[in-house]
Amino acid sequence: VKQDKMEEYKEHHRHVWPEMQAALKRNGWNHYSLFMREDGLLFGFF
């Protein structure tokens, strides 16, 4: 994630669109988690 966009990115993921959440569940994305390091390195797991 770009350094200058990290806080915005986090904020958007605190409020993921309900339709996006439903689509993820519908397509087998279970226990989906995102983790971010201070430098913007993002690790995703599902």
All heavy atoms as atom14 arrays in JSON, in Angstrom:
{
  "sequence": "VKQDKMEEYKEHHRHVWPEMQAALKRNGWNHYSLFMREDGLLFGFF",
  "atom14_mask": [
    [1, 1, 1, 1, 1, 1, 1, 0, 0, 0, 0, 0, 0, 0],
    [1, 1, 1, 1, 1, 1, 1, 1, 1, 0, 0, 0, 0, 0],
    [1, 1, 1, 1, 1, 1, 1, 1, 1, 0, 0, 0, 0, 0],
    [1, 1, 1, 1, 1, 1, 1, 1, 0, 0, 0, 0, 0, 0],
    [1, 1, 1, 1, 1, 1, 1, 1, 1, 0, 0, 0, 0, 0],
    [1, 1, 1, 1, 1, 1, 1, 1, 0, 0, 0, 0, 0, 0],
    [1, 1, 1, 1, 1, 1, 1, 1, 1, 0, 0, 0, 0, 0],
    [1, 1, 1, 1, 1, 1, 1, 1, 1, 0, 0, 0, 0, 0],
    [1, 1, 1, 1, 1, 1, 1, 1, 1, 1, 1, 1, 0, 0],
    [1, 1, 1, 1, 1, 1, 1, 1, 1, 0, 0, 0, 0, 0],
    [1, 1, 1, 1, 1, 1, 1, 1, 1, 0, 0, 0, 0, 0],
    [1, 1, 1, 1, 1, 1, 1, 1, 1, 1, 0, 0, 0, 0],
    [1, 1, 1, 1, 1, 1, 1, 1, 1, 1, 0, 0, 0, 0],
    [1, 1, 1, 1, 1, 1, 1, 1, 1, 1, 1, 0, 0, 0],
    [1, 1, 1, 1, 1, 1, 1, 1, 1, 1, 0, 0, 0, 0],
    [1, 1, 1, 1, 1, 1, 1, 0, 0, 0, 0, 0, 0, 0],
    [1, 1, 1, 1, 1, 1, 1, 1, 1, 1, 1, 1, 1, 1],
    [1, 1, 1, 1, 1, 1, 1, 0, 0, 0, 0, 0, 0, 0],
    [1, 1, 1, 1, 1, 1, 1, 1, 1, 0, 0, 0, 0, 0],
    [1, 1, 1, 1, 1, 1, 1, 1, 0, 0, 0, 0, 0, 0],
    [1, 1, 1, 1, 1, 1, 1, 1, 1, 0, 0, 0, 0, 0],
    [1, 1, 1, 1, 1, 0, 0, 0, 0, 0, 0, 0, 0, 0],
    [1, 1, 1, 1, 1, 0, 0, 0, 0, 0, 0, 0, 0, 0],
    [1, 1, 1, 1, 1, 1, 1, 1, 0, 0, 0, 0, 0, 0],
    [1, 1, 1, 1, 1, 1, 1, 1, 1, 0, 0, 0, 0, 0],
    [1, 1, 1, 1, 1, 1, 1, 1, 1, 1, 1, 0, 0, 0],
    [1, 1, 1, 1, 1, 1, 1, 1, 0, 0, 0, 0, 0, 0],
    [1, 1, 1, 1, 0, 0, 0, 0, 0, 0, 0, 0, 0, 0],
    [1, 1, 1, 1, 1, 1, 1, 1, 1, 1, 1, 1, 1, 1],
    [1, 1, 1, 1, 1, 1, 1, 1, 0, 0, 0, 0, 0, 0],
    [1, 1, 1, 1, 1, 1, 1, 1, 1, 1, 0, 0, 0, 0],
    [1, 1, 1, 1, 1, 1, 1, 1, 1, 1, 1, 1, 0, 0],
    [1, 1, 1, 1, 1, 1, 0, 0, 0, 0, 0, 0, 0, 0],
    [1, 1, 1, 1, 1, 1, 1, 1, 0, 0, 0, 0, 0, 0],
    [1, 1, 1, 1, 1, 1, 1, 1, 1, 1, 1, 0, 0, 0],
    [1, 1, 1, 1, 1, 1, 1, 1, 0, 0, 0, 0, 0, 0],
    [1, 1, 1, 1, 1, 1, 1, 1, 1, 1, 1, 0, 0, 0],
    [1, 1, 1, 1, 1, 1, 1, 1, 1, 0, 0, 0, 0, 0],
    [1, 1, 1, 1, 1, 1, 1, 1, 0, 0, 0, 0, 0, 0],
    [1, 1, 1, 1, 0, 0, 0, 0, 0, 0, 0, 0, 0, 0],
    [1, 1, 1, 1, 1, 1, 1, 1, 0, 0, 0, 0, 0, 0],
    [1, 1, 1, 1, 1, 1, 1, 1, 0, 0, 0, 0, 0, 0],
    [1, 1, 1, 1, 1, 1, 1, 1, 1, 1, 1, 0, 0, 0],
    [1, 1, 1, 1, 0, 0, 0, 0, 0, 0, 0, 0, 0, 0],
    [1, 1, 1, 1, 1, 1, 1, 1, 1, 1, 1, 0, 0, 0],
    [1, 1, 1, 1, 1, 1, 1, 1, 1, 1, 1, 0, 0, 0]
  ],
  "atom14_positions": [
    [[0.86, -1.18, 0.0], [0.0, 0.0, 0.0], [0.9, 1.24, 0.0], [1.92, 1.28, 0.7], [-0.93, 0.01, 1.24], [-1.77, 1.28, 1.29], [-1.83, -1.21, 1.22], [0.0, 0.0, 0.0], [0.0, 0.0, 0.0], [0.0, 0.0, 0.0], [0.0, 0.0, 0.0], [0.0, 0.0, 0.0], [0.0, 0.0, 0.0], [0.0, 0.0, 0.0]],
    [[0.53, 2.22, -0.79], [1.31, 3.47, -0.84], [1.31, 4.12, 0.54], [0.27, 4.2, 1.2], [0.7, 4.43, -1.88], [0.82, 3.92, -3.3], [0.1, 4.86, -4.26], [0.18, 4.34, -5.68], [-0.63, 5.14, -6.61], [0.0, 0.0, 0.0], [0.0, 0.0, 0.0], [0.0, 0.0, 0.0], [0.0, 0.0, 0.0], [0.0, 0.0, 0.0]],
    [[2.49, 4.62, 0.94], [2.66, 5.23, 2.27], [1.63, 6.33, 2.54], [1.05, 6.37, 3.62], [4.07, 5.83, 2.38], [5.16, 4.79, 2.48], [5.41, 4.38, 3.93], [5.6, 5.22, 4.79], [5.39, 3.1, 4.19], [0.0, 0.0, 0.0], [0.0, 0.0, 0.0], [0.0, 0.0, 0.0], [0.0, 0.0, 0.0], [0.0, 0.0, 0.0]],
    [[1.4, 7.18, 1.56], [0.49, 8.31, 1.78], [-0.98, 7.92, 1.73], [-1.86, 8.75, 1.94], [0.77, 9.43, 0.77], [0.52, 9.03, -0.68], [0.53, 7.81, -0.99], [0.31, 9.92, -1.51], [0.0, 0.0, 0.0], [0.0, 0.0, 0.0], [0.0, 0.0, 0.0], [0.0, 0.0, 0.0], [0.0, 0.0, 0.0], [0.0, 0.0, 0.0]],
    [[-1.27, 6.64, 1.49], [-2.67, 6.2, 1.4], [-3.01, 5.15, 2.45], [-4.12, 4.61, 2.46], [-2.95, 5.65, 0.0], [-2.84, 6.71, -1.09], [-3.66, 6.32, -2.29], [-3.72, 7.41, -3.31], [-4.82, 8.34, -3.1], [0.0, 0.0, 0.0], [0.0, 0.0, 0.0], [0.0, 0.0, 0.0], [0.0, 0.0, 0.0], [0.0, 0.0, 0.0]],
    [[-2.08, 4.86, 3.35], [-2.29, 3.79, 4.32], [-3.5, 4.03, 5.24], [-4.31, 3.12, 5.44], [-1.02, 3.57, 5.15], [0.08, 2.91, 4.34], [1.68, 2.87, 5.2], [1.27, 2.16, 6.76], [0.0, 0.0, 0.0], [0.0, 0.0, 0.0], [0.0, 0.0, 0.0], [0.0, 0.0, 0.0], [0.0, 0.0, 0.0], [0.0, 0.0, 0.0]],
    [[-3.62, 5.23, 5.79], [-4.72, 5.48, 6.72], [-6.07, 5.44, 6.01], [-7.04, 4.9, 6.54], [-4.52, 6.82, 7.45], [-3.39, 6.79, 8.46], [-3.46, 5.63, 9.43], [-4.56, 5.36, 9.99], [-2.42, 4.96, 9.65], [0.0, 0.0, 0.0], [0.0, 0.0, 0.0], [0.0, 0.0, 0.0], [0.0, 0.0, 0.0], [0.0, 0.0, 0.0]],
    [[-6.12, 5.99, 4.8], [-7.35, 5.93, 4.01], [-7.73, 4.48, 3.7], [-8.88, 4.09, 3.79], [-7.12, 6.65, 2.67], [-7.85, 7.95, 2.5], [-7.59, 8.49, 1.1], [-8.33, 8.12, 0.17], [-6.63, 9.28, 0.96], [0.0, 0.0, 0.0], [0.0, 0.0, 0.0], [0.0, 0.0, 0.0], [0.0, 0.0, 0.0], [0.0, 0.0, 0.0]],
    [[-6.72, 3.7, 3.33], [-6.94, 2.29, 3.01], [-7.53, 1.56, 4.22], [-8.51, 0.82, 4.09], [-5.62, 1.64, 2.58], [-5.76, 0.2, 2.19], [-6.11, -0.16, 0.9], [-5.55, -0.82, 3.12], [-6.26, -1.5, 0.54], [-5.7, -2.15, 2.77], [-6.06, -2.47, 1.48], [-6.21, -3.79, 1.14], [0.0, 0.0, 0.0], [0.0, 0.0, 0.0]],
    [[-6.96, 1.79, 5.38], [-7.46, 1.16, 6.61], [-8.91, 1.57, 6.86], [-9.75, 0.74, 7.22], [-6.6, 1.55, 7.81], [-5.23, 0.94, 7.81], [-4.5, 1.43, 9.07], [-3.02, 1.25, 8.97], [-2.33, 1.79, 10.17], [0.0, 0.0, 0.0], [0.0, 0.0, 0.0], [0.0, 0.0, 0.0], [0.0, 0.0, 0.0], [0.0, 0.0, 0.0]],
    [[-9.19, 2.85, 6.7], [-10.54, 3.35, 6.95], [-11.55, 2.68, 6.01], [-12.63, 2.27, 6.44], [-10.58, 4.88, 6.81], [-11.91, 5.5, 7.18], [-12.35, 5.24, 8.62], [-11.48, 5.03, 9.51], [-13.57, 5.23, 8.87], [0.0, 0.0, 0.0], [0.0, 0.0, 0.0], [0.0, 0.0, 0.0], [0.0, 0.0, 0.0], [0.0, 0.0, 0.0]],
    [[-11.22, 2.56, 4.73], [-12.13, 1.9, 3.78], [-12.38, 0.44, 4.18], [-13.48, -0.08, 3.97], [-11.59, 1.97, 2.36], [-11.61, 3.34, 1.78], [-12.74, 4.16, 1.79], [-10.65, 4.06, 1.16], [-12.46, 5.32, 1.22], [-11.2, 5.29, 0.83], [0.0, 0.0, 0.0], [0.0, 0.0, 0.0], [0.0, 0.0, 0.0], [0.0, 0.0, 0.0]],
    [[-11.38, -0.2, 4.76], [-11.55, -1.6, 5.13], [-12.24, -1.78, 6.48], [-12.63, -2.89, 6.82], [-10.21, -2.34, 5.05], [-9.86, -2.67, 3.64], [-9.31, -1.73, 2.79], [-10.04, -3.8, 2.92], [-9.16, -2.29, 1.6], [-9.59, -3.53, 1.65], [0.0, 0.0, 0.0], [0.0, 0.0, 0.0], [0.0, 0.0, 0.0], [0.0, 0.0, 0.0]],
    [[-12.43, -0.7, 7.19], [-13.28, -0.76, 8.4], [-14.75, -0.72, 7.99], [-15.63, -1.02, 8.79], [-12.96, 0.42, 9.32], [-11.64, 0.29, 10.04], [-11.42, 1.46, 11.01], [-10.04, 1.46, 11.44], [-9.11, 2.32, 11.02], [-9.42, 3.29, 10.17], [-7.86, 2.24, 11.45], [0.0, 0.0, 0.0], [0.0, 0.0, 0.0], [0.0, 0.0, 0.0]],
    [[-15.0, -0.32, 6.74], [-16.37, -0.16, 6.23], [-16.5, -0.77, 4.83], [-16.94, -0.1, 3.91], [-16.75, 1.33, 6.19], [-16.52, 2.03, 7.49], [-17.34, 1.88, 8.57], [-15.54, 2.87, 7.88], [-16.88, 2.6, 9.59], [-15.78, 3.21, 9.19], [0.0, 0.0, 0.0], [0.0, 0.0, 0.0], [0.0, 0.0, 0.0], [0.0, 0.0, 0.0]],
    [[-16.1, -2.02, 4.7], [-16.22, -2.7, 3.4], [-17.7, -2.78, 3.04], [-18.54, -3.1, 3.87], [-15.59, -4.11, 3.46], [-15.82, -4.86, 2.15], [-14.1, -4.02, 3.77], [0.0, 0.0, 0.0], [0.0, 0.0, 0.0], [0.0, 0.0, 0.0], [0.0, 0.0, 0.0], [0.0, 0.0, 0.0], [0.0, 0.0, 0.0], [0.0, 0.0, 0.0]],
    [[-17.98, -2.44, 1.79], [-19.36, -2.44, 1.31], [-20.05, -3.77, 1.61], [-19.49, -4.84, 1.35], [-19.41, -2.22, -0.19], [-18.69, -1.01, -0.69], [-18.37, 0.13, 0.01], [-18.2, -0.81, -2.02], [-17.71, 1.02, -0.82], [-17.59, 0.46, -2.06], [-18.21, -1.58, -3.18], [-17.01, 0.98, -3.21], [-17.64, -1.08, -4.33], [-17.05, 0.19, -4.34]],
    [[-21.29, -3.74, 2.11], [-22.02, -4.98, 2.38], [-22.1, -5.89, 1.15], [-22.0, -7.12, 1.27], [-23.41, -4.5, 2.81], [-23.15, -3.14, 3.37], [-22.04, -2.56, 2.53], [0.0, 0.0, 0.0], [0.0, 0.0, 0.0], [0.0, 0.0, 0.0], [0.0, 0.0, 0.0], [0.0, 0.0, 0.0], [0.0, 0.0, 0.0], [0.0, 0.0, 0.0]],
    [[-22.28, -5.32, -0.04], [-22.36, -6.16, -1.25], [-21.03, -6.87, -1.52], [-21.01, -7.99, -2.03], [-22.78, -5.33, -2.47], [-21.72, -4.33, -2.92], [-22.15, -3.48, -4.1], [-22.28, -4.01, -5.21], [-22.35, -2.28, -3.89], [0.0, 0.0, 0.0], [0.0, 0.0, 0.0], [0.0, 0.0, 0.0], [0.0, 0.0, 0.0], [0.0, 0.0, 0.0]],
    [[-19.92, -6.22, -1.15], [-18.61, -6.84, -1.34], [-18.41, -7.97, -0.31], [-17.93, -9.04, -0.66], [-17.52, -5.77, -1.19], [-16.14, -6.23, -1.53], [-16.04, -6.78, -3.25], [-14.3, -7.16, -3.31], [0.0, 0.0, 0.0], [0.0, 0.0, 0.0], [0.0, 0.0, 0.0], [0.0, 0.0, 0.0], [0.0, 0.0, 0.0], [0.0, 0.0, 0.0]],
    [[-18.83, -7.73, 0.91], [-18.74, -8.78, 1.93], [-19.56, -10.0, 1.53], [-19.11, -11.14, 1.66], [-19.23, -8.24, 3.27], [-18.31, -7.19, 3.86], [-18.83, -6.65, 5.18], [-19.52, -7.35, 5.92], [-18.51, -5.41, 5.48], [0.0, 0.0, 0.0], [0.0, 0.0, 0.0], [0.0, 0.0, 0.0], [0.0, 0.0, 0.0], [0.0, 0.0, 0.0]],
    [[-20.77, -9.76, 1.02], [-21.63, -10.86, 0.6], [-21.02, -11.62, -0.58], [-21.07, -12.85, -0.63], [-23.01, -10.33, 0.22], [0.0, 0.0, 0.0], [0.0, 0.0, 0.0], [0.0, 0.0, 0.0], [0.0, 0.0, 0.0], [0.0, 0.0, 0.0], [0.0, 0.0, 0.0], [0.0, 0.0, 0.0], [0.0, 0.0, 0.0], [0.0, 0.0, 0.0]],
    [[-20.42, -10.9, -1.52], [-19.79, -11.54, -2.68], [-18.62, -12.41, -2.24], [-18.44, -13.53, -2.75], [-19.32, -10.48, -3.68], [0.0, 0.0, 0.0], [0.0, 0.0, 0.0], [0.0, 0.0, 0.0], [0.0, 0.0, 0.0], [0.0, 0.0, 0.0], [0.0, 0.0, 0.0], [0.0, 0.0, 0.0], [0.0, 0.0, 0.0], [0.0, 0.0, 0.0]],
    [[-17.82, -11.92, -1.31], [-16.69, -12.7, -0.81], [-17.18, -14.0, -0.17], [-16.66, -15.08, -0.49], [-15.86, -11.88, 0.19], [-15.03, -10.75, -0.44], [-14.61, -9.74, 0.62], [-13.81, -11.31, -1.17], [0.0, 0.0, 0.0], [0.0, 0.0, 0.0], [0.0, 0.0, 0.0], [0.0, 0.0, 0.0], [0.0, 0.0, 0.0], [0.0, 0.0, 0.0]],
    [[-18.18, -13.9, 0.68], [-18.72, -15.1, 1.32], [-19.3, -16.06, 0.29], [-19.1, -17.27, 0.37], [-19.79, -14.72, 2.35], [-19.22, -14.07, 3.59], [-20.32, -13.77, 4.59], [-19.8, -13.02, 5.79], [-18.92, -13.78, 6.63], [0.0, 0.0, 0.0], [0.0, 0.0, 0.0], [0.0, 0.0, 0.0], [0.0, 0.0, 0.0], [0.0, 0.0, 0.0]],
    [[-20.0, -15.52, -0.69], [-20.63, -16.33, -1.74], [-19.59, -17.11, -2.54], [-19.86, -18.18, -3.06], [-21.41, -15.39, -2.67], [-22.6, -15.96, -3.31], [-23.52, -15.01, -4.04], [-23.01, -13.74, -4.51], [-23.32, -12.55, -3.97], [-24.1, -12.46, -2.92], [-22.83, -11.44, -4.48], [0.0, 0.0, 0.0], [0.0, 0.0, 0.0], [0.0, 0.0, 0.0]],
    [[-18.38, -16.55, -2.65], [-17.34, -17.16, -3.47], [-16.26, -17.86, -2.65], [-15.16, -18.12, -3.15], [-16.74, -16.09, -4.39], [-17.71, -15.73, -5.49], [-17.88, -16.47, -6.45], [-18.4, -14.6, -5.33], [0.0, 0.0, 0.0], [0.0, 0.0, 0.0], [0.0, 0.0, 0.0], [0.0, 0.0, 0.0], [0.0, 0.0, 0.0], [0.0, 0.0, 0.0]],
    [[-16.58, -18.17, -1.4], [-15.69, -19.0, -0.6], [-14.5, -18.31, 0.04], [-13.52, -18.96, 0.35], [0.0, 0.0, 0.0], [0.0, 0.0, 0.0], [0.0, 0.0, 0.0], [0.0, 0.0, 0.0], [0.0, 0.0, 0.0], [0.0, 0.0, 0.0], [0.0, 0.0, 0.0], [0.0, 0.0, 0.0], [0.0, 0.0, 0.0], [0.0, 0.0, 0.0]],
    [[-14.57, -16.99, 0.23], [-13.48, -16.27, 0.9], [-13.83, -16.22, 2.39], [-14.42, -15.25, 2.87], [-13.33, -14.86, 0.32], [-12.83, -14.83, -1.09], [-13.41, -15.39, -2.18], [-11.64, -14.19, -1.56], [-12.66, -15.14, -3.3], [-11.57, -14.4, -2.94], [-10.64, -13.44, -0.92], [-10.53, -13.91, -3.72], [-9.61, -12.95, -1.69], [-9.55, -13.19, -3.08]],
    [[-13.46, -17.25, 3.13], [-13.82, -17.39, 4.53], [-12.64, -17.03, 5.44], [-11.49, -17.23, 5.07], [-14.27, -18.82, 4.81], [-15.4, -19.26, 3.89], [-16.35, -18.51, 3.68], [-15.28, -20.43, 3.32], [0.0, 0.0, 0.0], [0.0, 0.0, 0.0], [0.0, 0.0, 0.0], [0.0, 0.0, 0.0], [0.0, 0.0, 0.0], [0.0, 0.0, 0.0]],
    [[-12.96, -16.51, 6.61], [-11.93, -16.12, 7.58], [-10.91, -15.19, 6.93], [-9.7, -15.31, 7.17], [-11.24, -17.36, 8.18], [-12.2, -18.32, 8.8], [-12.73, -18.13, 10.05], [-12.76, -19.45, 8.31], [-13.56, -19.12, 10.31], [-13.61, -19.92, 9.28], [0.0, 0.0, 0.0], [0.0, 0.0, 0.0], [0.0, 0.0, 0.0], [0.0, 0.0, 0.0]],
    [[-11.38, -14.27, 6.12], [-10.53, -13.36, 5.35], [-9.98, -12.28, 6.29], [-10.74, -11.6, 6.99], [-11.37, -12.73, 4.23], [-10.63, -11.9, 3.22], [-9.25, -11.9, 3.12], [-11.33, -11.09, 2.34], [-8.59, -11.13, 2.17], [-10.69, -10.32, 1.39], [-9.32, -10.35, 1.31], [-8.68, -9.58, 0.37], [0.0, 0.0, 0.0], [0.0, 0.0, 0.0]],
    [[-8.67, -12.12, 6.31], [-8.0, -11.13, 7.15], [-6.96, -10.39, 6.35], [-6.32, -10.96, 5.45], [-7.28, -11.81, 8.32], [-8.17, -12.5, 9.16], [0.0, 0.0, 0.0], [0.0, 0.0, 0.0], [0.0, 0.0, 0.0], [0.0, 0.0, 0.0], [0.0, 0.0, 0.0], [0.0, 0.0, 0.0], [0.0, 0.0, 0.0], [0.0, 0.0, 0.0]],
    [[-6.76, -9.12, 6.7], [-5.68, -8.31, 6.13], [-4.84, -7.79, 7.29], [-5.38, -7.35, 8.3], [-6.24, -7.13, 5.34], [-7.03, -7.47, 4.08], [-7.66, -6.2, 3.5], [-6.15, -8.15, 3.04], [0.0, 0.0, 0.0], [0.0, 0.0, 0.0], [0.0, 0.0, 0.0], [0.0, 0.0, 0.0], [0.0, 0.0, 0.0], [0.0, 0.0, 0.0]],
    [[-3.53, -7.83, 7.12], [-2.59, -7.34, 8.11], [-1.64, -6.38, 7.4], [-1.22, -6.65, 6.29], [-1.75, -8.49, 8.69], [-2.58, -9.58, 9.33], [-3.09, -10.62, 8.57], [-2.83, -9.56, 10.69], [-3.84, -11.64, 9.15], [-3.59, -10.56, 11.28], [-4.09, -11.6, 10.51], [0.0, 0.0, 0.0], [0.0, 0.0, 0.0], [0.0, 0.0, 0.0]],
    [[-1.31, -5.25, 8.07], [-0.43, -4.27, 7.43], [0.75, -3.92, 8.33], [0.57, -3.68, 9.52], [-1.19, -2.99, 7.07], [-0.37, -2.07, 6.18], [-1.17, -0.49, 5.78], [-2.72, -0.98, 5.11], [0.0, 0.0, 0.0], [0.0, 0.0, 0.0], [0.0, 0.0, 0.0], [0.0, 0.0, 0.0], [0.0, 0.0, 0.0], [0.0, 0.0, 0.0]],
    [[1.92, -3.89, 7.73], [3.13, -3.46, 8.42], [3.23, -1.95, 8.33], [2.58, -1.33, 7.49], [4.32, -4.14, 7.73], [5.55, -4.3, 8.56], [6.52, -5.26, 7.94], [7.07, -4.74, 6.68], [7.96, -5.39, 5.93], [8.4, -6.57, 6.3], [8.41, -4.86, 4.82], [0.0, 0.0, 0.0], [0.0, 0.0, 0.0], [0.0, 0.0, 0.0]],
    [[4.08, -1.33, 9.16], [4.24, 0.13, 9.19], [4.61, 0.73, 7.84], [4.28, 1.88, 7.56], [5.35, 0.52, 10.16], [5.0, 0.39, 11.6], [6.15, 0.82, 12.5], [7.27, 1.09, 12.01], [5.91, 0.89, 13.71], [0.0, 0.0, 0.0], [0.0, 0.0, 0.0], [0.0, 0.0, 0.0], [0.0, 0.0, 0.0], [0.0, 0.0, 0.0]],
    [[5.32, -0.02, 7.01], [5.76, 0.5, 5.72], [4.76, 0.26, 4.6], [5.02, 0.55, 3.44], [7.12, -0.09, 5.33], [7.07, -1.59, 5.1], [6.0, -2.23, 5.31], [8.1, -2.16, 4.7], [0.0, 0.0, 0.0], [0.0, 0.0, 0.0], [0.0, 0.0, 0.0], [0.0, 0.0, 0.0], [0.0, 0.0, 0.0], [0.0, 0.0, 0.0]],
    [[3.57, -0.28, 4.94], [2.53, -0.49, 3.95], [2.5, -1.9, 3.36], [1.62, -2.2, 2.56], [0.0, 0.0, 0.0], [0.0, 0.0, 0.0], [0.0, 0.0, 0.0], [0.0, 0.0, 0.0], [0.0, 0.0, 0.0], [0.0, 0.0, 0.0], [0.0, 0.0, 0.0], [0.0, 0.0, 0.0], [0.0, 0.0, 0.0], [0.0, 0.0, 0.0]],
    [[3.44, -2.77, 3.76], [3.37, -4.14, 3.28], [2.11, -4.77, 3.84], [1.87, -4.73, 5.05], [4.59, -4.95, 3.71], [4.6, -6.39, 3.19], [4.76, -6.42, 1.67], [5.69, -7.2, 3.85], [0.0, 0.0, 0.0], [0.0, 0.0, 0.0], [0.0, 0.0, 0.0], [0.0, 0.0, 0.0], [0.0, 0.0, 0.0], [0.0, 0.0, 0.0]],
    [[1.3, -5.31, 2.96], [-0.01, -5.86, 3.32], [0.02, -7.36, 3.09], [0.42, -7.83, 2.02], [-1.09, -5.22, 2.44], [-2.53, -5.59, 2.76], [-3.0, -4.83, 3.99], [-3.42, -5.25, 1.58], [0.0, 0.0, 0.0], [0.0, 0.0, 0.0], [0.0, 0.0, 0.0], [0.0, 0.0, 0.0], [0.0, 0.0, 0.0], [0.0, 0.0, 0.0]],
    [[-0.39, -8.11, 4.11], [-0.51, -9.56, 4.0], [-1.98, -9.91, 4.11], [-2.67, -9.48, 5.04], [0.27, -10.27, 5.12], [-0.02, -11.74, 5.21], [0.45, -12.61, 4.25], [-0.8, -12.24, 6.25], [0.16, -13.98, 4.32], [-1.09, -13.59, 6.33], [-0.6, -14.46, 5.37], [0.0, 0.0, 0.0], [0.0, 0.0, 0.0], [0.0, 0.0, 0.0]],
    [[-2.48, -10.66, 3.14], [-3.86, -11.11, 3.15], [-3.92, -12.61, 3.35], [-3.03, -13.34, 2.9], [0.0, 0.0, 0.0], [0.0, 0.0, 0.0], [0.0, 0.0, 0.0], [0.0, 0.0, 0.0], [0.0, 0.0, 0.0], [0.0, 0.0, 0.0], [0.0, 0.0, 0.0], [0.0, 0.0, 0.0], [0.0, 0.0, 0.0], [0.0, 0.0, 0.0]],
    [[-4.95, -13.06, 4.05], [-5.14, -14.49, 4.31], [-6.63, -14.81, 4.26], [-7.45, -14.03, 4.76], [-4.6, -14.85, 5.71], [-4.98, -16.23, 6.14], [-4.22, -17.32, 5.75], [-6.12, -16.46, 6.9], [-4.59, -18.61, 6.13], [-6.5, -17.74, 7.27], [-5.72, -18.82, 6.89], [0.0, 0.0, 0.0], [0.0, 0.0, 0.0], [0.0, 0.0, 0.0]],
    [[-6.96, -15.94, 3.65], [-8.33, -16.45, 3.74], [-8.31, -17.95, 3.57], [-7.32, -18.54, 3.15], [-9.27, -15.77, 2.73], [-9.03, -16.08, 1.28], [-9.79, -17.04, 0.62], [-8.08, -15.37, 0.56], [-9.59, -17.3, -0.73], [-7.88, -15.62, -0.79], [-8.64, -16.59, -1.44], [0.0, 0.0, 0.0], [0.0, 0.0, 0.0], [0.0, 0.0, 0.0]]
  ]
}
